[in-house]
């Protein structure tokens, strides 16, 4: 059996409710897409800043080997996830990178094309930026990464809010 409104008033009310529901759905999808695009851009920009930080924090030991400062000297900020490769060998890793290993990091280090890649780890998804550069005349590959956990949490909260 099909439901049929008994009056014109009920019929118009159903049509208006349907139209309003469609408009609200389109609005929610547009808001979610806009916020997601903005939230996705922020970690990518921070990865570029982390790469610049990594190049600036390098120093050379008396024996010619390279070293990096692992922590902020003021103690205000922890260093980012960073790995440094030279001739296919890992020569430095921050404490953050030591605790949060990324499975495909070595393969990504072989292709330092300044491309941001999403990598799934056992605990979260990370964005990894790999680039080759020269530090003190020595060619190295720098890798920086940021977790998407916070961004995904914020998107989940927004989705719940839009559904409510």
N, C-alpha and C. Protein backbone atom coordinates (compact mmCIF):
# COMPACT_ATOMS: atom_id res chain seq x y z
N UNK A 1 0.82 -1.18 0.00
CA UNK A 1 0.00 0.00 0.00
C UNK A 1 0.87 1.24 0.00
N UNK A 2 0.45 2.19 -0.72
CA UNK A 2 1.16 3.44 -0.82
C UNK A 2 0.53 4.48 0.09
N UNK A 3 1.39 5.28 0.71
CA UNK A 3 0.89 6.32 1.60
C UNK A 3 0.48 7.53 0.76
N UNK A 4 -0.72 8.00 1.00
CA UNK A 4 -1.21 9.19 0.31
C UNK A 4 -1.73 10.16 1.35
N UNK A 5 -1.24 11.39 1.31
CA UNK A 5 -1.75 12.39 2.24
C UNK A 5 -3.23 12.65 1.95
N UNK A 6 -3.97 12.91 2.99
CA UNK A 6 -5.41 13.11 2.85
C UNK A 6 -5.77 14.51 2.41
N UNK A 7 -4.85 15.45 2.63
CA UNK A 7 -5.21 16.83 2.28
C UNK A 7 -4.09 17.48 1.49
N UNK A 8 -4.40 18.58 0.89
CA UNK A 8 -3.42 19.37 0.15
C UNK A 8 -2.36 19.91 1.10
N UNK A 9 -2.76 20.30 2.29
CA UNK A 9 -1.83 20.82 3.29
C UNK A 9 -0.77 19.77 3.65
N UNK A 10 -1.17 18.55 3.88
CA UNK A 10 -0.24 17.48 4.20
C UNK A 10 0.69 17.19 3.03
N UNK A 11 0.16 17.22 1.83
CA UNK A 11 0.96 16.98 0.64
C UNK A 11 2.02 18.07 0.47
N UNK A 12 1.64 19.34 0.63
CA UNK A 12 2.60 20.44 0.51
C UNK A 12 3.65 20.37 1.62
N UNK A 13 3.26 19.99 2.81
CA UNK A 13 4.21 19.86 3.93
C UNK A 13 5.25 18.79 3.61
N UNK A 14 4.84 17.66 3.08
CA UNK A 14 5.79 16.61 2.71
C UNK A 14 6.75 17.07 1.61
N UNK A 15 6.24 17.80 0.62
CA UNK A 15 7.10 18.32 -0.44
C UNK A 15 8.12 19.31 0.11
N UNK A 16 7.69 20.20 0.99
CA UNK A 16 8.60 21.17 1.58
C UNK A 16 9.65 20.49 2.47
N UNK A 17 9.23 19.50 3.22
CA UNK A 17 10.19 18.76 4.05
C UNK A 17 11.22 18.03 3.18
N UNK A 18 10.78 17.46 2.09
CA UNK A 18 11.70 16.77 1.18
C UNK A 18 12.70 17.74 0.57
N UNK A 19 12.22 18.88 0.12
CA UNK A 19 13.10 19.89 -0.47
C UNK A 19 14.10 20.40 0.56
N UNK A 20 13.65 20.65 1.77
CA UNK A 20 14.53 21.11 2.83
C UNK A 20 15.58 20.07 3.17
N UNK A 21 15.20 18.81 3.21
CA UNK A 21 16.14 17.74 3.49
C UNK A 21 17.23 17.66 2.41
N UNK A 22 16.84 17.81 1.16
CA UNK A 22 17.81 17.78 0.07
C UNK A 22 18.77 18.96 0.16
N UNK A 23 18.25 20.15 0.43
CA UNK A 23 19.10 21.34 0.56
C UNK A 23 20.07 21.17 1.73
N UNK A 24 19.60 20.67 2.86
CA UNK A 24 20.48 20.46 4.01
C UNK A 24 21.55 19.41 3.73
N UNK A 25 21.20 18.38 3.00
CA UNK A 25 22.16 17.35 2.64
C UNK A 25 23.25 17.91 1.73
N UNK A 26 22.87 18.68 0.73
CA UNK A 26 23.85 19.30 -0.17
C UNK A 26 24.76 20.25 0.62
N UNK A 27 24.17 21.03 1.54
CA UNK A 27 24.94 21.95 2.37
C UNK A 27 25.95 21.19 3.23
N UNK A 28 25.52 20.11 3.86
CA UNK A 28 26.41 19.33 4.73
C UNK A 28 27.57 18.74 3.94
N UNK A 29 27.29 18.22 2.75
CA UNK A 29 28.35 17.65 1.91
C UNK A 29 29.33 18.75 1.49
N UNK A 30 28.84 19.92 1.12
CA UNK A 30 29.71 21.02 0.72
C UNK A 30 30.58 21.49 1.88
N UNK A 31 30.01 21.63 3.07
CA UNK A 31 30.78 22.06 4.24
C UNK A 31 31.85 21.03 4.56
N UNK A 32 31.50 19.75 4.55
CA UNK A 32 32.46 18.70 4.86
C UNK A 32 33.61 18.70 3.85
N UNK A 33 33.30 18.82 2.56
CA UNK A 33 34.34 18.83 1.52
C UNK A 33 35.26 20.03 1.69
N UNK A 34 34.71 21.19 1.99
CA UNK A 34 35.51 22.40 2.17
C UNK A 34 36.44 22.27 3.38
N UNK A 35 35.91 21.82 4.50
CA UNK A 35 36.72 21.68 5.71
C UNK A 35 37.78 20.61 5.52
N UNK A 36 37.44 19.52 4.86
CA UNK A 36 38.41 18.46 4.62
C UNK A 36 39.57 18.95 3.76
N UNK A 37 39.26 19.73 2.73
CA UNK A 37 40.32 20.26 1.87
C UNK A 37 41.25 21.18 2.66
N UNK A 38 40.68 22.02 3.51
CA UNK A 38 41.50 22.93 4.31
C UNK A 38 42.32 22.18 5.35
N UNK A 39 41.72 21.19 6.00
CA UNK A 39 42.46 20.41 7.00
C UNK A 39 43.57 19.58 6.36
N UNK A 40 43.37 19.12 5.13
CA UNK A 40 44.38 18.34 4.44
C UNK A 40 45.56 19.19 4.01
N UNK A 41 45.31 20.44 3.71
CA UNK A 41 46.39 21.33 3.25
C UNK A 41 47.34 21.70 4.38
N UNK A 42 46.83 21.81 5.61
CA UNK A 42 47.66 22.24 6.73
C UNK A 42 48.81 21.28 7.03
N UNK A 43 48.58 19.95 7.13
CA UNK A 43 49.72 19.05 7.38
C UNK A 43 50.74 19.06 6.23
N UNK A 44 50.27 19.24 5.01
CA UNK A 44 51.19 19.29 3.88
C UNK A 44 52.11 20.51 3.98
N UNK A 45 51.56 21.65 4.40
CA UNK A 45 52.38 22.84 4.58
C UNK A 45 53.38 22.63 5.72
N UNK A 46 52.93 21.99 6.80
CA UNK A 46 53.83 21.73 7.92
C UNK A 46 54.94 20.77 7.53
N UNK A 47 54.66 19.83 6.63
CA UNK A 47 55.72 18.93 6.16
C UNK A 47 56.82 19.71 5.43
N UNK A 48 56.42 20.69 4.64
CA UNK A 48 57.40 21.54 3.97
C UNK A 48 58.24 22.31 4.97
N UNK A 49 57.60 22.82 6.03
CA UNK A 49 58.33 23.52 7.09
C UNK A 49 59.28 22.57 7.82
N UNK A 50 58.82 21.34 8.07
CA UNK A 50 59.67 20.35 8.74
C UNK A 50 60.90 20.02 7.90
N UNK A 51 60.72 19.96 6.58
CA UNK A 51 61.85 19.67 5.70
C UNK A 51 62.88 20.79 5.76
N UNK A 52 62.40 22.03 5.76
CA UNK A 52 63.32 23.17 5.90
C UNK A 52 64.03 23.14 7.25
N UNK A 53 63.28 22.80 8.31
CA UNK A 53 63.86 22.69 9.65
C UNK A 53 64.97 21.64 9.65
N UNK A 54 64.71 20.50 9.02
CA UNK A 54 65.68 19.41 9.01
C UNK A 54 66.98 19.83 8.32
N UNK A 55 66.86 20.55 7.24
CA UNK A 55 68.06 21.00 6.53
C UNK A 55 68.81 22.05 7.36
N UNK A 56 68.09 22.90 8.07
CA UNK A 56 68.72 23.95 8.87
C UNK A 56 69.35 23.42 10.15
N UNK A 57 68.85 22.32 10.69
CA UNK A 57 69.35 21.80 11.97
C UNK A 57 70.54 20.86 11.81
N UNK A 58 71.04 20.69 10.61
CA UNK A 58 72.18 19.80 10.39
C UNK A 58 73.46 20.48 10.82
N UNK A 59 74.38 19.67 11.29
CA UNK A 59 75.71 20.14 11.67
C UNK A 59 76.71 19.07 11.29
N UNK A 60 77.97 19.45 11.23
CA UNK A 60 79.00 18.49 10.84
C UNK A 60 79.95 18.27 12.01
N UNK A 61 80.21 17.01 12.32
CA UNK A 61 81.17 16.66 13.36
C UNK A 61 82.59 16.89 12.86
N UNK A 62 83.57 16.84 13.76
CA UNK A 62 84.98 17.03 13.40
C UNK A 62 85.46 15.97 12.42
N UNK A 63 84.87 14.76 12.51
CA UNK A 63 85.30 13.69 11.60
C UNK A 63 84.58 13.72 10.25
N UNK A 64 83.74 14.73 10.03
CA UNK A 64 83.06 14.88 8.75
C UNK A 64 81.67 14.28 8.70
N UNK A 65 81.29 13.53 9.72
CA UNK A 65 79.95 12.95 9.73
C UNK A 65 78.92 14.03 10.07
N UNK A 66 77.71 13.78 9.66
CA UNK A 66 76.64 14.74 9.89
C UNK A 66 75.87 14.38 11.16
N UNK A 67 75.33 15.40 11.82
CA UNK A 67 74.48 15.18 12.98
C UNK A 67 73.37 16.22 12.96
N UNK A 68 72.30 15.90 13.69
CA UNK A 68 71.16 16.81 13.78
C UNK A 68 70.82 17.04 15.24
N UNK A 69 70.27 18.20 15.51
CA UNK A 69 69.78 18.48 16.85
C UNK A 69 68.42 17.83 16.96
N UNK A 70 68.26 16.97 17.95
CA UNK A 70 67.03 16.18 18.05
C UNK A 70 65.90 16.93 18.73
N UNK A 71 66.19 17.83 19.63
CA UNK A 71 65.14 18.54 20.36
C UNK A 71 65.37 20.04 20.26
N UNK A 72 64.30 20.79 20.45
CA UNK A 72 64.35 22.24 20.50
C UNK A 72 65.14 22.65 21.75
N UNK A 73 66.18 23.51 21.63
CA UNK A 73 66.96 23.85 22.81
C UNK A 73 66.16 24.56 23.90
N UNK A 74 65.09 25.26 23.53
CA UNK A 74 64.26 25.92 24.53
C UNK A 74 63.30 24.95 25.19
N UNK A 75 63.11 23.78 24.59
CA UNK A 75 62.21 22.78 25.14
C UNK A 75 60.74 23.06 24.87
N UNK A 76 60.46 24.05 24.01
CA UNK A 76 59.07 24.41 23.73
C UNK A 76 58.41 23.42 22.77
N UNK A 77 59.15 22.92 21.82
CA UNK A 77 58.58 22.05 20.80
C UNK A 77 59.47 20.82 20.63
N UNK A 78 58.84 19.68 20.47
CA UNK A 78 59.58 18.47 20.16
C UNK A 78 59.92 18.48 18.68
N UNK A 79 61.00 17.82 18.34
CA UNK A 79 61.39 17.76 16.94
C UNK A 79 60.39 16.91 16.17
N UNK A 80 60.28 17.14 14.88
CA UNK A 80 59.35 16.35 14.08
C UNK A 80 59.92 14.97 13.75
N UNK A 81 59.09 14.15 13.13
CA UNK A 81 59.52 12.84 12.66
C UNK A 81 60.50 13.09 11.52
N UNK A 82 61.73 12.61 11.66
CA UNK A 82 62.77 12.86 10.66
C UNK A 82 63.68 11.66 10.55
N UNK A 83 63.99 11.29 9.31
CA UNK A 83 65.01 10.29 9.02
C UNK A 83 65.91 10.86 7.94
N UNK A 84 67.19 10.56 8.04
CA UNK A 84 68.17 11.04 7.07
C UNK A 84 68.91 9.83 6.51
N UNK A 85 68.97 9.78 5.20
CA UNK A 85 69.61 8.67 4.49
C UNK A 85 70.78 9.19 3.68
N UNK A 86 71.84 8.40 3.59
CA UNK A 86 72.98 8.72 2.74
C UNK A 86 73.46 7.43 2.09
N UNK A 87 73.52 7.44 0.79
CA UNK A 87 73.93 6.26 0.03
C UNK A 87 73.13 5.02 0.41
N UNK A 88 71.83 5.20 0.61
CA UNK A 88 70.95 4.08 0.93
C UNK A 88 71.01 3.61 2.37
N UNK A 89 71.82 4.27 3.20
CA UNK A 89 71.96 3.88 4.60
C UNK A 89 71.32 4.94 5.50
N UNK A 90 70.61 4.50 6.50
CA UNK A 90 70.02 5.41 7.48
C UNK A 90 71.15 5.94 8.37
N UNK A 91 71.33 7.28 8.39
CA UNK A 91 72.42 7.84 9.21
C UNK A 91 71.90 8.63 10.41
N UNK A 92 70.61 8.98 10.42
CA UNK A 92 70.05 9.68 11.57
C UNK A 92 68.55 9.47 11.61
N UNK A 93 68.03 9.41 12.84
CA UNK A 93 66.60 9.28 13.06
C UNK A 93 66.28 9.98 14.38
N UNK A 94 65.26 10.84 14.39
CA UNK A 94 64.87 11.49 15.64
C UNK A 94 64.22 10.47 16.57
N UNK A 95 64.08 10.84 17.83
CA UNK A 95 63.45 9.95 18.81
C UNK A 95 62.00 9.67 18.41
N UNK A 96 61.34 10.65 17.83
CA UNK A 96 59.95 10.46 17.38
C UNK A 96 59.90 9.41 16.28
N UNK A 97 60.84 9.45 15.36
CA UNK A 97 60.90 8.46 14.28
C UNK A 97 61.27 7.08 14.81
N UNK A 98 62.09 7.05 15.84
CA UNK A 98 62.47 5.77 16.46
C UNK A 98 61.26 5.09 17.10
N UNK A 99 60.40 5.88 17.74
CA UNK A 99 59.22 5.34 18.41
C UNK A 99 58.10 5.00 17.44
N UNK A 100 58.01 5.71 16.33
CA UNK A 100 56.91 5.55 15.37
C UNK A 100 57.47 5.17 14.00
N UNK A 101 57.85 3.93 13.87
CA UNK A 101 58.43 3.47 12.61
C UNK A 101 57.39 3.45 11.50
N UNK A 102 57.82 3.84 10.32
CA UNK A 102 56.95 3.80 9.14
C UNK A 102 57.47 2.69 8.23
N UNK A 103 56.64 1.68 7.96
CA UNK A 103 57.11 0.48 7.26
C UNK A 103 57.76 0.74 5.90
N UNK A 104 57.23 1.62 5.09
CA UNK A 104 57.73 1.81 3.72
C UNK A 104 58.77 2.92 3.61
N UNK A 105 59.32 3.38 4.72
CA UNK A 105 60.24 4.53 4.69
C UNK A 105 61.47 4.26 3.82
N UNK A 106 62.03 3.08 3.93
CA UNK A 106 63.24 2.78 3.15
C UNK A 106 62.94 2.78 1.65
N UNK A 107 61.81 2.22 1.25
CA UNK A 107 61.44 2.23 -0.17
C UNK A 107 61.20 3.65 -0.66
N UNK A 108 60.55 4.47 0.17
CA UNK A 108 60.30 5.86 -0.21
C UNK A 108 61.61 6.65 -0.33
N UNK A 109 62.61 6.29 0.48
CA UNK A 109 63.90 6.99 0.44
C UNK A 109 64.62 6.76 -0.90
N UNK A 110 64.28 5.70 -1.57
CA UNK A 110 64.90 5.42 -2.88
C UNK A 110 64.32 6.30 -3.99
N UNK A 111 63.18 6.95 -3.71
CA UNK A 111 62.53 7.82 -4.69
C UNK A 111 62.28 9.20 -4.08
N UNK A 112 63.32 9.99 -3.89
CA UNK A 112 63.16 11.30 -3.24
C UNK A 112 62.62 12.35 -4.20
N UNK A 113 61.35 12.26 -4.52
CA UNK A 113 60.77 13.11 -5.55
C UNK A 113 59.92 14.27 -5.00
N UNK A 114 60.07 14.61 -3.71
CA UNK A 114 59.34 15.72 -3.07
C UNK A 114 57.83 15.54 -3.18
N UNK A 115 57.39 14.32 -3.23
CA UNK A 115 55.97 14.01 -3.30
C UNK A 115 55.51 13.57 -1.92
N UNK A 116 54.33 14.02 -1.52
CA UNK A 116 53.77 13.61 -0.24
C UNK A 116 52.97 12.34 -0.46
N UNK A 117 53.29 11.31 0.33
CA UNK A 117 52.69 10.00 0.19
C UNK A 117 52.00 9.63 1.50
N UNK A 118 50.78 9.08 1.39
CA UNK A 118 50.08 8.55 2.56
C UNK A 118 50.56 7.13 2.80
N UNK A 119 50.97 6.87 4.04
CA UNK A 119 51.45 5.55 4.41
C UNK A 119 50.65 5.07 5.62
N UNK A 120 50.14 3.85 5.53
CA UNK A 120 49.38 3.27 6.63
C UNK A 120 50.34 2.57 7.58
N UNK A 121 50.29 2.98 8.84
CA UNK A 121 51.10 2.36 9.88
C UNK A 121 50.17 1.50 10.74
N UNK A 122 50.73 0.73 11.64
CA UNK A 122 49.85 -0.10 12.50
C UNK A 122 48.87 0.71 13.35
N UNK A 123 49.22 1.96 13.67
CA UNK A 123 48.38 2.74 14.57
C UNK A 123 47.63 3.88 13.91
N UNK A 124 48.10 4.35 12.77
CA UNK A 124 47.44 5.48 12.13
C UNK A 124 47.90 5.56 10.67
N UNK A 125 47.51 6.65 10.04
CA UNK A 125 47.98 6.95 8.69
C UNK A 125 48.88 8.18 8.79
N UNK A 126 49.99 8.14 8.08
CA UNK A 126 50.94 9.25 8.12
C UNK A 126 51.17 9.76 6.71
N UNK A 127 51.50 11.02 6.63
CA UNK A 127 51.93 11.61 5.36
C UNK A 127 53.44 11.77 5.42
N UNK A 128 54.12 11.30 4.39
CA UNK A 128 55.58 11.31 4.35
C UNK A 128 56.05 12.11 3.15
N UNK A 129 56.99 13.02 3.41
CA UNK A 129 57.62 13.82 2.36
C UNK A 129 59.09 13.43 2.31
N UNK A 130 59.56 13.02 1.13
CA UNK A 130 60.95 12.59 0.95
C UNK A 130 61.59 13.48 -0.12
N UNK A 131 62.76 14.04 0.20
CA UNK A 131 63.44 14.93 -0.74
C UNK A 131 64.95 14.76 -0.62
N UNK A 132 65.61 14.89 -1.74
CA UNK A 132 67.08 14.83 -1.73
C UNK A 132 67.62 16.25 -1.67
N UNK A 133 68.74 16.39 -0.99
CA UNK A 133 69.39 17.70 -0.86
C UNK A 133 70.87 17.45 -0.61
N UNK A 134 71.60 18.52 -0.48
CA UNK A 134 73.02 18.43 -0.18
C UNK A 134 73.28 19.23 1.10
N UNK A 135 73.93 18.59 2.07
CA UNK A 135 74.26 19.25 3.33
C UNK A 135 75.76 19.14 3.54
N UNK A 136 76.40 20.30 3.64
CA UNK A 136 77.86 20.37 3.76
C UNK A 136 78.52 19.63 2.60
N UNK A 137 77.92 19.76 1.41
CA UNK A 137 78.47 19.15 0.22
C UNK A 137 78.22 17.65 0.11
N UNK A 138 77.48 17.10 1.03
CA UNK A 138 77.22 15.66 1.02
C UNK A 138 75.77 15.41 0.61
N UNK A 139 75.53 14.58 -0.41
CA UNK A 139 74.15 14.31 -0.81
C UNK A 139 73.44 13.43 0.22
N UNK A 140 72.26 13.87 0.62
CA UNK A 140 71.46 13.12 1.58
C UNK A 140 70.00 13.13 1.14
N UNK A 141 69.24 12.21 1.69
CA UNK A 141 67.80 12.16 1.48
C UNK A 141 67.15 12.40 2.83
N UNK A 142 66.30 13.43 2.90
CA UNK A 142 65.58 13.76 4.12
C UNK A 142 64.15 13.25 4.01
N UNK A 143 63.66 12.68 5.10
CA UNK A 143 62.27 12.23 5.17
C UNK A 143 61.64 12.85 6.41
N UNK A 144 60.50 13.49 6.21
CA UNK A 144 59.72 14.01 7.33
C UNK A 144 58.31 13.44 7.22
N UNK A 145 57.65 13.31 8.35
CA UNK A 145 56.30 12.72 8.34
C UNK A 145 55.44 13.38 9.41
N UNK A 146 54.15 13.35 9.18
CA UNK A 146 53.14 13.84 10.13
C UNK A 146 51.98 12.85 10.15
N UNK A 147 51.44 12.63 11.32
CA UNK A 147 50.30 11.74 11.48
C UNK A 147 49.01 12.46 11.07
N UNK A 148 48.06 11.70 10.54
CA UNK A 148 46.75 12.24 10.19
C UNK A 148 45.72 12.02 11.30
N UNK A 149 46.14 11.52 12.44
CA UNK A 149 45.21 11.17 13.52
C UNK A 149 44.37 12.36 13.96
N UNK A 150 45.01 13.49 14.20
CA UNK A 150 44.28 14.67 14.66
C UNK A 150 43.29 15.14 13.60
N UNK A 151 43.74 15.19 12.35
CA UNK A 151 42.87 15.64 11.26
C UNK A 151 41.65 14.72 11.12
N UNK A 152 41.89 13.42 11.17
CA UNK A 152 40.78 12.48 11.03
C UNK A 152 39.81 12.57 12.21
N UNK A 153 40.33 12.84 13.40
CA UNK A 153 39.48 13.04 14.56
C UNK A 153 38.58 14.26 14.41
N UNK A 154 39.17 15.34 13.92
CA UNK A 154 38.39 16.56 13.70
C UNK A 154 37.32 16.36 12.62
N UNK A 155 37.66 15.62 11.58
CA UNK A 155 36.67 15.34 10.54
C UNK A 155 35.55 14.45 11.07
N UNK A 156 35.89 13.52 11.93
CA UNK A 156 34.87 12.67 12.55
C UNK A 156 33.91 13.48 13.42
N UNK A 157 34.46 14.43 14.18
CA UNK A 157 33.61 15.30 15.01
C UNK A 157 32.70 16.16 14.14
N UNK A 158 33.25 16.68 13.04
CA UNK A 158 32.43 17.49 12.13
C UNK A 158 31.31 16.65 11.52
N UNK A 159 31.63 15.42 11.12
CA UNK A 159 30.62 14.54 10.55
C UNK A 159 29.50 14.28 11.56
N UNK A 160 29.87 14.03 12.80
CA UNK A 160 28.87 13.79 13.83
C UNK A 160 28.00 15.04 14.03
N UNK A 161 28.63 16.19 14.04
CA UNK A 161 27.88 17.44 14.20
C UNK A 161 26.92 17.67 13.03
N UNK A 162 27.38 17.41 11.82
CA UNK A 162 26.51 17.58 10.66
C UNK A 162 25.37 16.58 10.66
N UNK A 163 25.63 15.37 11.12
CA UNK A 163 24.55 14.38 11.19
C UNK A 163 23.50 14.76 12.22
N UNK A 164 23.98 15.31 13.33
CA UNK A 164 23.02 15.75 14.37
C UNK A 164 22.21 16.90 13.85
